[in-house]
């Protein structure tokens, strides 16, 4: 008695098959990828040497249509072969075979129609065509790519520019309504900021990203800055992320471990206001005292000017410039491989379909490498340090600009209050 097995893999849809899935010792495994040459070779040998058993995962693997599946199944069973499927309840010697087989073939037909749709979508992906459905807001569908919609693309661009300038998602949503009368939800605005389409890339349902497929609304540097701002804002409360004061959401008490909020005090019939930082949820009996906001800001700037250069000098992390250069070199190598694919087709090494699949994989690798590159912090930290360690630089900025720069470098500002001595401040940098 001999046991044979057969597997078919569609390179557009299926993952490679593990040869150890059968659970029994198999005399020979016939494997097809894309075309069923091995299956036809096996069918030709049936009259000469017929094995006792044939293992399949599903009957679906015998053909692309119900007619092909039925004809090949009949040919295999006429040769006296016993067919067993591991992922379907089918055994060629089971009772009530005609009625059961009819139901089984009906389910196979439904799956075949579904796979044909999936194959069409997969071919479009390999040809770098847009996915099915409506184009994202700001674009319209062209013949083979997304095209900028001149009436709506400026709205998306203005939204992203406002977020880049002020780092406030809710503020950008309000800006859109004031300027254009366009009302969107905050979740919609977040999707706009993270959607690869607005950066000139296509992202498909399987997670694959193909770079530089159409005109972009955001360039690479703007997209990288947006990603850093969104990661930074995740550490803050939603209201603190768009608060008008630059220290909002950054200051906490070292003793009670509670965040300090900005409180505003005014006097009747006077325009002057006084700002304080206080801990409204302090659990201690002797509540943390309120601290003058301006004094904390001035002390923070002095601490940045003193500590930031020392931090850069002592930093032992791998040089960012070298990491970026290595990523650029890897990206260039993969781009060179893509450029060689036409010559490989001419030489007969690759057929056109295999070359498309290889290009698709390489383009996804390039997109992943570019994403890693964009997530790196700025490489010229020493040059940045020379600027932000100038006190006058901070006092020349608006409150929104101060908020932007402080959150770019600081994770937290901890204050240690002391009723008898001056309070102390400790900075926790992001890197």
Protein backbone atom coordinates (compact mmCIF):
# COMPACT_ATOMS: atom_id res chain seq x y z
CA UNK A 1 0.00 0.00 0.00
CA UNK A 2 1.35 3.40 -1.01
CA UNK A 3 0.27 6.78 0.30
CA UNK A 4 0.62 9.82 -1.94
CA UNK A 5 -0.24 13.46 -1.22
CA UNK A 6 -0.96 16.47 -3.38
CA UNK A 7 -0.96 20.20 -2.56
CA UNK A 8 -1.75 23.20 -4.70
CA UNK A 9 -0.74 26.77 -3.81
CA UNK A 10 -1.91 29.92 -5.51
CA UNK A 11 1.04 32.35 -5.20
CA UNK A 12 -1.37 35.28 -5.23
CA UNK A 13 -3.40 34.12 -2.25
CA UNK A 14 -1.87 31.17 -0.37
CA UNK A 15 1.09 30.71 1.93
CA UNK A 16 3.64 27.92 1.26
CA UNK A 17 2.52 24.51 2.52
CA UNK A 18 4.36 22.73 5.33
CA UNK A 19 5.29 19.22 4.18
CA UNK A 20 4.73 17.84 7.70
CA UNK A 21 0.98 18.55 7.83
CA UNK A 22 -0.19 15.03 6.96
CA UNK A 23 0.56 13.27 10.25
CA UNK A 24 1.52 10.00 8.50
CA UNK A 25 4.49 8.84 6.48
CA UNK A 26 3.86 9.70 2.84
CA UNK A 27 5.65 7.93 0.00
CA UNK A 28 5.62 10.95 -2.32
CA UNK A 29 4.25 14.48 -2.27
CA UNK A 30 3.20 16.21 -5.49
CA UNK A 31 3.32 20.00 -5.18
CA UNK A 32 2.03 22.61 -7.61
CA UNK A 33 2.43 26.39 -7.40
CA UNK A 34 0.32 28.43 -9.79
CA UNK A 35 -0.12 25.67 -12.37
CA UNK A 36 -1.12 22.01 -11.97
CA UNK A 37 1.70 20.34 -13.93
CA UNK A 38 2.52 17.85 -11.16
CA UNK A 39 -1.15 16.88 -10.87
CA UNK A 40 -1.35 16.20 -14.62
CA UNK A 41 1.85 14.16 -14.42
CA UNK A 42 0.36 12.15 -11.55
CA UNK A 43 -2.86 11.55 -13.50
CA UNK A 44 -0.85 10.23 -16.47
CA UNK A 45 0.82 7.62 -14.26
CA UNK A 46 -2.45 6.29 -12.84
CA UNK A 47 -2.99 3.56 -15.49
CA UNK A 48 0.53 2.25 -14.92
CA UNK A 49 0.94 2.49 -11.16
CA UNK A 50 -1.97 3.40 -8.97
CA UNK A 51 -1.32 4.19 -5.29
CA UNK A 52 -3.73 3.05 -2.63
CA UNK A 53 -4.40 6.44 -1.00
CA UNK A 54 -4.23 10.06 -2.05
CA UNK A 55 -4.24 12.74 0.64
CA UNK A 56 -5.61 16.21 -0.12
CA UNK A 57 -6.30 19.21 2.07
CA UNK A 58 -9.47 20.03 0.08
CA UNK A 59 -11.07 18.88 -3.13
CA UNK A 60 -10.83 22.53 -4.22
CA UNK A 61 -7.14 21.92 -5.06
CA UNK A 62 -7.98 19.63 -7.97
CA UNK A 63 -9.03 22.48 -10.30
CA UNK A 64 -10.15 26.06 -10.79
CA UNK A 65 -13.72 25.17 -11.82
CA UNK A 66 -16.32 22.66 -10.73
CA UNK A 67 -16.00 20.90 -14.10
CA UNK A 68 -12.25 20.40 -13.69
CA UNK A 69 -12.67 19.21 -10.11
CA UNK A 70 -15.42 16.78 -11.04
CA UNK A 71 -13.55 15.31 -14.04
CA UNK A 72 -10.29 14.82 -12.12
CA UNK A 73 -12.07 13.40 -9.09
CA UNK A 74 -13.87 10.89 -11.31
CA UNK A 75 -10.59 9.94 -13.03
CA UNK A 76 -8.87 9.38 -9.69
CA UNK A 77 -11.68 7.26 -8.27
CA UNK A 78 -12.07 5.20 -11.46
CA UNK A 79 -8.49 4.09 -11.02
CA UNK A 80 -9.41 2.54 -7.67
CA UNK A 81 -7.75 5.26 -5.64
CA UNK A 82 -9.08 6.12 -2.16
CA UNK A 83 -9.16 9.90 -1.64
CA UNK A 84 -9.06 11.40 1.84
CA UNK A 85 -9.23 15.14 2.62
CA UNK A 86 -7.80 16.54 5.85
CA UNK A 87 -9.68 19.87 5.92
CA UNK A 88 -13.00 18.54 4.57
CA UNK A 89 -15.18 15.68 5.70
CA UNK A 90 -14.71 13.66 2.53
CA UNK A 91 -13.75 10.02 2.04
CA UNK A 92 -14.24 8.42 -1.37
CA UNK A 93 -15.70 5.22 0.13
CA UNK A 94 -18.27 6.88 2.43
CA UNK A 95 -21.98 6.07 2.29
CA UNK A 96 -24.63 8.21 0.58
CA UNK A 97 -21.92 9.50 -1.67
CA UNK A 98 -24.02 11.14 -4.44
CA UNK A 99 -26.10 13.29 -2.09
CA UNK A 100 -23.15 14.24 0.11
CA UNK A 101 -20.89 15.00 -2.87
CA UNK A 102 -23.55 17.27 -4.37
CA UNK A 103 -23.65 19.36 -1.19
CA UNK A 104 -19.86 19.40 -1.03
CA UNK A 105 -19.51 20.58 -4.63
CA UNK A 106 -22.03 23.36 -4.01
CA UNK A 107 -19.86 24.71 -1.19
CA UNK A 108 -16.77 24.39 -3.41
CA UNK A 109 -18.50 26.43 -6.11
CA UNK A 110 -19.22 29.24 -3.65
CA UNK A 111 -15.59 29.27 -2.54
CA UNK A 112 -14.36 29.22 -6.15
CA UNK A 113 -16.36 32.35 -6.95
CA UNK A 114 -14.98 34.05 -3.85
CA UNK A 115 -11.41 33.09 -4.76
CA UNK A 116 -11.82 34.49 -8.26
CA UNK A 117 -12.71 37.87 -6.74
CA UNK A 118 -9.74 37.61 -4.40
CA UNK A 119 -7.46 36.71 -7.29
CA UNK A 120 -8.63 39.78 -9.20
CA UNK A 121 -7.87 42.00 -6.21
CA UNK A 122 -4.47 40.29 -5.78
CA UNK A 123 -3.56 40.89 -9.44
CA UNK A 124 -4.47 44.55 -9.01
CA UNK A 125 -2.19 44.71 -5.97
CA UNK A 126 0.72 43.21 -7.88
CA UNK A 127 0.13 45.76 -10.65
CA UNK A 128 0.12 48.54 -8.01
CA UNK A 129 -3.47 49.52 -8.79
CA UNK A 130 -5.64 51.23 -6.15
CA UNK A 131 -7.74 48.93 -3.95
CA UNK A 132 -11.50 48.65 -4.63
CA UNK A 133 -13.88 51.20 -3.17
CA UNK A 134 -14.10 54.98 -3.08
CA UNK A 135 -10.96 57.07 -3.25
CA UNK A 136 -9.96 58.78 0.02
CA UNK A 137 -11.17 62.35 0.54
CA UNK A 138 -8.89 64.64 -1.47
CA UNK A 139 -8.43 62.15 -4.33
CA UNK A 140 -10.42 60.75 -7.22
CA UNK A 141 -9.93 57.49 -9.07
CA UNK A 142 -7.99 57.57 -12.31
CA UNK A 143 -7.44 54.77 -14.80
CA UNK A 144 -4.53 53.19 -12.91
CA UNK A 145 -3.88 55.48 -9.92
CA UNK A 146 -5.35 58.06 -7.59
CA UNK A 147 -5.49 61.62 -8.89
CA UNK A 148 -5.61 64.77 -6.77
CA UNK A 149 -9.06 66.30 -6.47
CA UNK A 150 -8.39 70.03 -6.86
CA UNK A 151 -11.53 70.95 -4.91
CA UNK A 152 -10.87 68.83 -1.79
CA UNK A 153 -7.10 68.20 -1.70
CA UNK A 154 -6.36 71.76 -0.39
CA UNK A 155 -8.69 71.06 2.57
CA UNK A 156 -6.69 67.98 3.59
CA UNK A 157 -3.43 69.86 3.04
CA UNK A 158 -4.56 72.79 5.21
CA UNK A 159 -5.64 70.39 7.96
CA UNK A 160 -2.25 68.66 7.99
CA UNK A 161 -0.33 71.95 7.88
CA UNK A 162 -2.25 73.27 10.89
CA UNK A 163 -1.49 70.10 12.83
CA UNK A 164 2.20 70.35 11.92
CA UNK A 165 2.27 73.96 13.08
CA UNK A 166 0.44 73.59 16.40
CA UNK A 167 0.52 69.84 17.14
CA UNK A 168 -3.17 69.86 18.12
CA UNK A 169 -5.54 67.36 16.50
CA UNK A 170 -8.71 68.90 17.92
CA UNK A 171 -7.42 72.37 17.05
CA UNK A 172 -6.89 71.25 13.45
CA UNK A 173 -10.48 69.90 13.36
CA UNK A 174 -11.82 73.26 14.61
CA UNK A 175 -9.61 75.11 12.09
CA UNK A 176 -11.14 73.08 9.27
CA UNK A 177 -14.66 74.03 10.31
CA UNK A 178 -13.82 77.72 10.72
CA UNK A 179 -11.98 78.13 7.43
CA UNK A 180 -13.76 75.72 5.08
CA UNK A 181 -17.00 74.88 6.89
CA UNK A 182 -15.95 71.23 6.76
CA UNK A 183 -17.03 69.26 9.84
CA UNK A 184 -15.18 66.05 10.57
CA UNK A 185 -14.83 63.84 13.65
CA UNK A 186 -11.57 63.74 15.57
CA UNK A 187 -11.18 60.07 14.60
CA UNK A 188 -11.53 61.05 10.93
CA UNK A 189 -8.81 63.67 11.36
CA UNK A 190 -6.52 61.09 12.96
CA UNK A 191 -7.14 58.75 10.02
CA UNK A 192 -6.21 61.54 7.61
CA UNK A 193 -2.91 62.08 9.42
CA UNK A 194 -1.97 58.39 9.37
CA UNK A 195 -3.43 57.36 5.99
CA UNK A 196 -0.55 56.24 3.69
CA UNK A 197 -2.53 57.43 0.66
CA UNK A 198 -1.91 61.09 1.56
CA UNK A 199 1.84 60.33 1.57
CA UNK A 200 1.78 58.97 -1.98
CA UNK A 201 1.63 55.30 -0.94
CA UNK A 202 -0.91 52.54 -1.37
CA UNK A 203 -1.78 50.27 1.54
CA UNK A 204 -3.80 47.11 0.97
CA UNK A 205 -5.98 45.01 3.23
CA UNK A 206 -3.17 42.49 3.87
CA UNK A 207 -0.99 45.27 5.31
CA UNK A 208 1.31 45.56 2.31
CA UNK A 209 2.41 49.11 1.45
CA UNK A 210 3.60 50.16 -2.00
CA UNK A 211 5.50 53.49 -1.98
CA UNK A 212 5.32 56.36 -4.46
CA UNK A 213 2.35 55.23 -6.54
CA UNK A 214 0.62 58.63 -6.99
CA UNK A 215 0.89 62.34 -6.20
CA UNK A 216 1.27 62.95 -2.46
CA UNK A 217 -0.34 65.63 -0.31
CA UNK A 218 2.31 65.14 2.42
CA UNK A 219 6.01 64.67 1.69
CA UNK A 220 8.22 62.21 3.61
CA UNK A 221 9.55 64.73 6.13
CA UNK A 222 6.04 66.02 6.92
CA UNK A 223 4.76 62.47 7.36
CA UNK A 224 7.64 61.61 9.70
CA UNK A 225 6.97 64.77 11.75
CA UNK A 226 3.27 63.90 12.02
CA UNK A 227 4.14 60.41 13.29
CA UNK A 228 6.41 61.89 15.98
CA UNK A 229 3.72 64.37 17.03
CA UNK A 230 1.07 61.66 17.31
CA UNK A 231 3.38 59.42 19.37
CA UNK A 232 4.19 62.36 21.61
CA UNK A 233 0.51 63.28 22.11
CA UNK A 234 -0.36 59.72 23.19
CA UNK A 235 1.46 60.35 26.46
CA UNK A 236 -0.77 63.34 27.22
CA UNK A 237 -4.39 63.71 28.24
CA UNK A 238 -6.63 64.63 25.24
CA UNK A 239 -7.27 68.18 26.50
CA UNK A 240 -3.62 68.75 27.41
CA UNK A 241 -2.54 67.90 23.86
CA UNK A 242 -4.35 71.00 22.54
CA UNK A 243 -4.09 73.22 25.63
CA UNK A 244 -3.00 76.83 24.97
CA UNK A 245 -0.25 76.75 27.65
CA UNK A 246 3.05 75.11 26.75
CA UNK A 247 3.54 73.37 30.14
CA UNK A 248 0.08 71.78 30.16
CA UNK A 249 0.30 68.00 30.52
CA UNK A 250 4.05 67.98 31.15
CA UNK A 251 4.33 68.92 34.84
CA UNK A 252 3.73 66.51 37.72
CA UNK A 253 4.44 66.46 41.45
CA UNK A 254 7.27 64.19 42.58
CA UNK A 255 5.66 63.59 45.98
CA UNK A 256 2.04 62.79 45.15
CA UNK A 257 2.73 61.64 41.56
CA UNK A 258 -0.29 63.62 40.35
CA UNK A 259 -0.28 65.88 37.26
CA UNK A 260 -0.32 69.62 37.83
CA UNK A 261 -2.96 71.59 35.97
CA UNK A 262 -2.83 75.21 34.88
CA UNK A 263 -5.20 77.47 36.84
CA UNK A 264 -6.03 81.03 35.84
CA UNK A 265 -6.89 83.73 38.40
CA UNK A 266 -8.23 87.17 37.52
CA UNK A 267 -9.35 90.21 39.47
CA UNK A 268 -12.64 91.96 39.00
CA UNK A 269 -12.56 94.84 36.53
CA UNK A 270 -8.91 94.11 35.70
CA UNK A 271 -7.53 92.49 32.57
CA UNK A 272 -4.40 91.14 34.23
CA UNK A 273 -4.40 87.40 34.94
CA UNK A 274 -2.26 85.18 37.15
CA UNK A 275 -1.36 81.60 36.20
CA UNK A 276 -0.60 78.85 38.69
CA UNK A 277 0.23 75.15 38.61
CA UNK A 278 -1.61 73.11 41.21
CA UNK A 279 -2.51 69.49 41.97
CA UNK A 280 -6.33 69.24 42.31
CA UNK A 281 -6.21 65.49 43.10
CA UNK A 282 -3.40 65.52 45.65
CA UNK A 283 -4.09 62.68 48.18
CA UNK A 284 -1.95 64.17 50.98
CA UNK A 285 -3.37 65.96 54.02
CA UNK A 286 -1.11 68.92 53.44
CA UNK A 287 -2.00 69.60 49.83
CA UNK A 288 0.74 70.51 47.40
CA UNK A 289 0.93 74.31 47.21
CA UNK A 290 0.19 76.19 44.02
CA UNK A 291 3.27 77.36 42.12
CA UNK A 292 3.54 80.38 39.86
CA UNK A 293 3.38 79.24 36.22
CA UNK A 294 5.84 81.80 34.87
CA UNK A 295 8.43 80.89 37.48
CA UNK A 296 8.19 77.19 36.55
CA UNK A 297 8.56 78.06 32.87
CA UNK A 298 11.66 80.18 33.48
CA UNK A 299 13.23 77.47 35.64
CA UNK A 300 12.45 74.86 32.97
CA UNK A 301 14.18 76.90 30.27
CA UNK A 302 17.24 77.39 32.47
CA UNK A 303 17.38 73.66 33.17
CA UNK A 304 17.10 72.84 29.44
CA UNK A 305 19.95 75.23 28.63
CA UNK A 306 22.15 73.57 31.25
CA UNK A 307 21.24 69.88 30.95
CA UNK A 308 20.54 69.34 27.24
CA UNK A 309 24.15 69.86 26.02
CA UNK A 310 25.42 67.49 28.73
CA UNK A 311 22.85 64.89 27.71
CA UNK A 312 23.93 65.05 24.06
CA UNK A 313 27.61 64.79 25.03
CA UNK A 314 27.01 61.74 27.26
CA UNK A 315 24.66 59.92 24.92
CA UNK A 316 25.97 56.43 24.12
CA UNK A 317 23.28 55.44 21.65
CA UNK A 318 24.31 54.30 18.15
CA UNK A 319 24.93 57.28 15.84
CA UNK A 320 21.70 58.17 14.12
CA UNK A 321 23.47 59.32 10.97
CA UNK A 322 25.07 55.87 10.56
CA UNK A 323 21.72 54.11 11.08
CA UNK A 324 20.03 56.35 8.51
CA UNK A 325 22.87 55.78 6.04
CA UNK A 326 22.53 52.01 6.46
CA UNK A 327 18.79 52.15 5.86
CA UNK A 328 19.28 54.31 2.77
CA UNK A 329 21.85 51.84 1.43
CA UNK A 330 19.46 48.90 1.96
CA UNK A 331 16.66 50.81 0.22
CA UNK A 332 18.97 51.61 -2.72
CA UNK A 333 19.95 47.92 -3.02
CA UNK A 334 16.32 46.83 -3.21
CA UNK A 335 15.59 49.55 -5.78
CA UNK A 336 18.49 48.20 -7.87
CA UNK A 337 16.95 44.72 -7.66
CA UNK A 338 13.66 46.10 -8.98
CA UNK A 339 15.53 47.75 -11.86
CA UNK A 340 17.06 44.39 -12.86
CA UNK A 341 13.71 42.58 -13.14
CA UNK A 342 13.08 43.49 -16.84
CA UNK A 343 16.44 42.03 -17.86
CA UNK A 344 15.70 38.85 -15.89
CA UNK A 345 12.44 38.51 -17.83
CA UNK A 346 14.31 38.96 -21.14
CA UNK A 347 16.81 36.27 -20.13
CA UNK A 348 14.00 33.86 -19.29
CA UNK A 349 14.97 33.61 -15.61
CA UNK A 350 11.64 35.09 -14.48
CA UNK A 351 8.28 34.92 -16.19
CA UNK A 352 6.22 38.16 -16.07
CA UNK A 353 3.95 36.96 -13.25
CA UNK A 354 6.88 35.90 -11.06
CA UNK A 355 8.58 39.24 -11.73
CA UNK A 356 5.44 41.11 -10.65
CA UNK A 357 5.31 39.10 -7.44
CA UNK A 358 8.99 39.81 -6.78
CA UNK A 359 8.53 43.53 -7.45
CA UNK A 360 5.53 43.59 -5.13
CA UNK A 361 7.56 42.02 -2.31
CA UNK A 362 10.53 44.35 -2.82
CA UNK A 363 8.32 47.44 -2.86
CA UNK A 364 6.71 46.38 0.42
CA UNK A 365 10.20 45.89 1.92
CA UNK A 366 11.18 49.39 0.78
CA UNK A 367 8.05 50.86 2.39
CA UNK A 368 8.85 49.14 5.70
CA UNK A 369 12.43 50.44 5.62
CA UNK A 370 11.25 53.97 4.85
CA UNK A 371 8.85 53.79 7.79
CA UNK A 372 11.73 52.81 10.11
CA UNK A 373 13.78 55.66 8.69
CA UNK A 374 10.98 58.17 9.30
CA UNK A 375 10.56 57.02 12.91
CA UNK A 376 14.15 57.86 13.82
CA UNK A 377 14.73 61.09 15.77
CA UNK A 378 16.62 63.94 14.07
CA UNK A 379 20.25 63.01 13.43
CA UNK A 380 21.63 66.54 13.96
CA UNK A 381 20.90 66.76 17.70
CA UNK A 382 24.13 68.70 18.32
CA UNK A 383 23.05 71.45 15.92
CA UNK A 384 19.59 71.51 17.50
CA UNK A 385 21.16 71.77 20.95
CA UNK A 386 22.97 74.98 19.96
CA UNK A 387 19.61 76.57 19.15
CA UNK A 388 17.39 75.43 22.00
CA UNK A 389 20.02 76.23 24.66
CA UNK A 390 19.68 79.94 23.88
CA UNK A 391 17.27 81.50 26.37
CA UNK A 392 16.22 84.23 23.97
CA UNK A 393 15.11 81.56 21.49
CA UNK A 394 12.36 80.44 23.88
CA UNK A 395 11.18 83.93 24.77
CA UNK A 396 10.84 84.87 21.08
CA UNK A 397 8.41 81.99 20.44
CA UNK A 398 4.64 82.07 20.75
CA UNK A 399 2.98 79.88 23.36
CA UNK A 400 1.94 77.34 20.71
CA UNK A 401 5.50 77.17 19.36
CA UNK A 402 6.89 76.71 22.86
CA UNK A 403 4.44 73.85 23.37
CA UNK A 404 5.63 72.25 20.14
CA UNK A 405 9.34 72.36 21.01
CA UNK A 406 8.98 71.40 24.67
CA UNK A 407 7.00 68.28 23.82
CA UNK A 408 9.49 67.40 21.10
CA UNK A 409 12.22 66.86 23.70
CA UNK A 410 10.59 66.54 27.14
CA UNK A 411 8.60 63.56 28.41
CA UNK A 412 7.92 65.00 31.87
CA UNK A 413 8.77 67.85 34.24
CA UNK A 414 8.77 66.77 37.88
CA UNK A 415 8.54 69.32 40.69
CA UNK A 416 9.56 68.53 44.28
CA UNK A 417 7.72 71.00 46.55
CA UNK A 418 9.13 71.92 49.94
CA UNK A 419 7.28 74.23 52.36
CA UNK A 420 10.49 75.53 54.01
CA UNK A 421 12.90 75.49 51.05
CA UNK A 422 12.63 76.46 47.38
CA UNK A 423 11.05 73.78 45.21
CA UNK A 424 13.23 71.80 42.80
CA UNK A 425 12.67 70.78 39.21
CA UNK A 426 13.77 67.64 37.37
CA UNK A 427 13.52 67.15 33.60
CA UNK A 428 12.95 63.78 31.93
CA UNK A 429 13.96 63.88 28.27
CA UNK A 430 12.42 61.62 25.64
CA UNK A 431 15.77 60.16 24.53
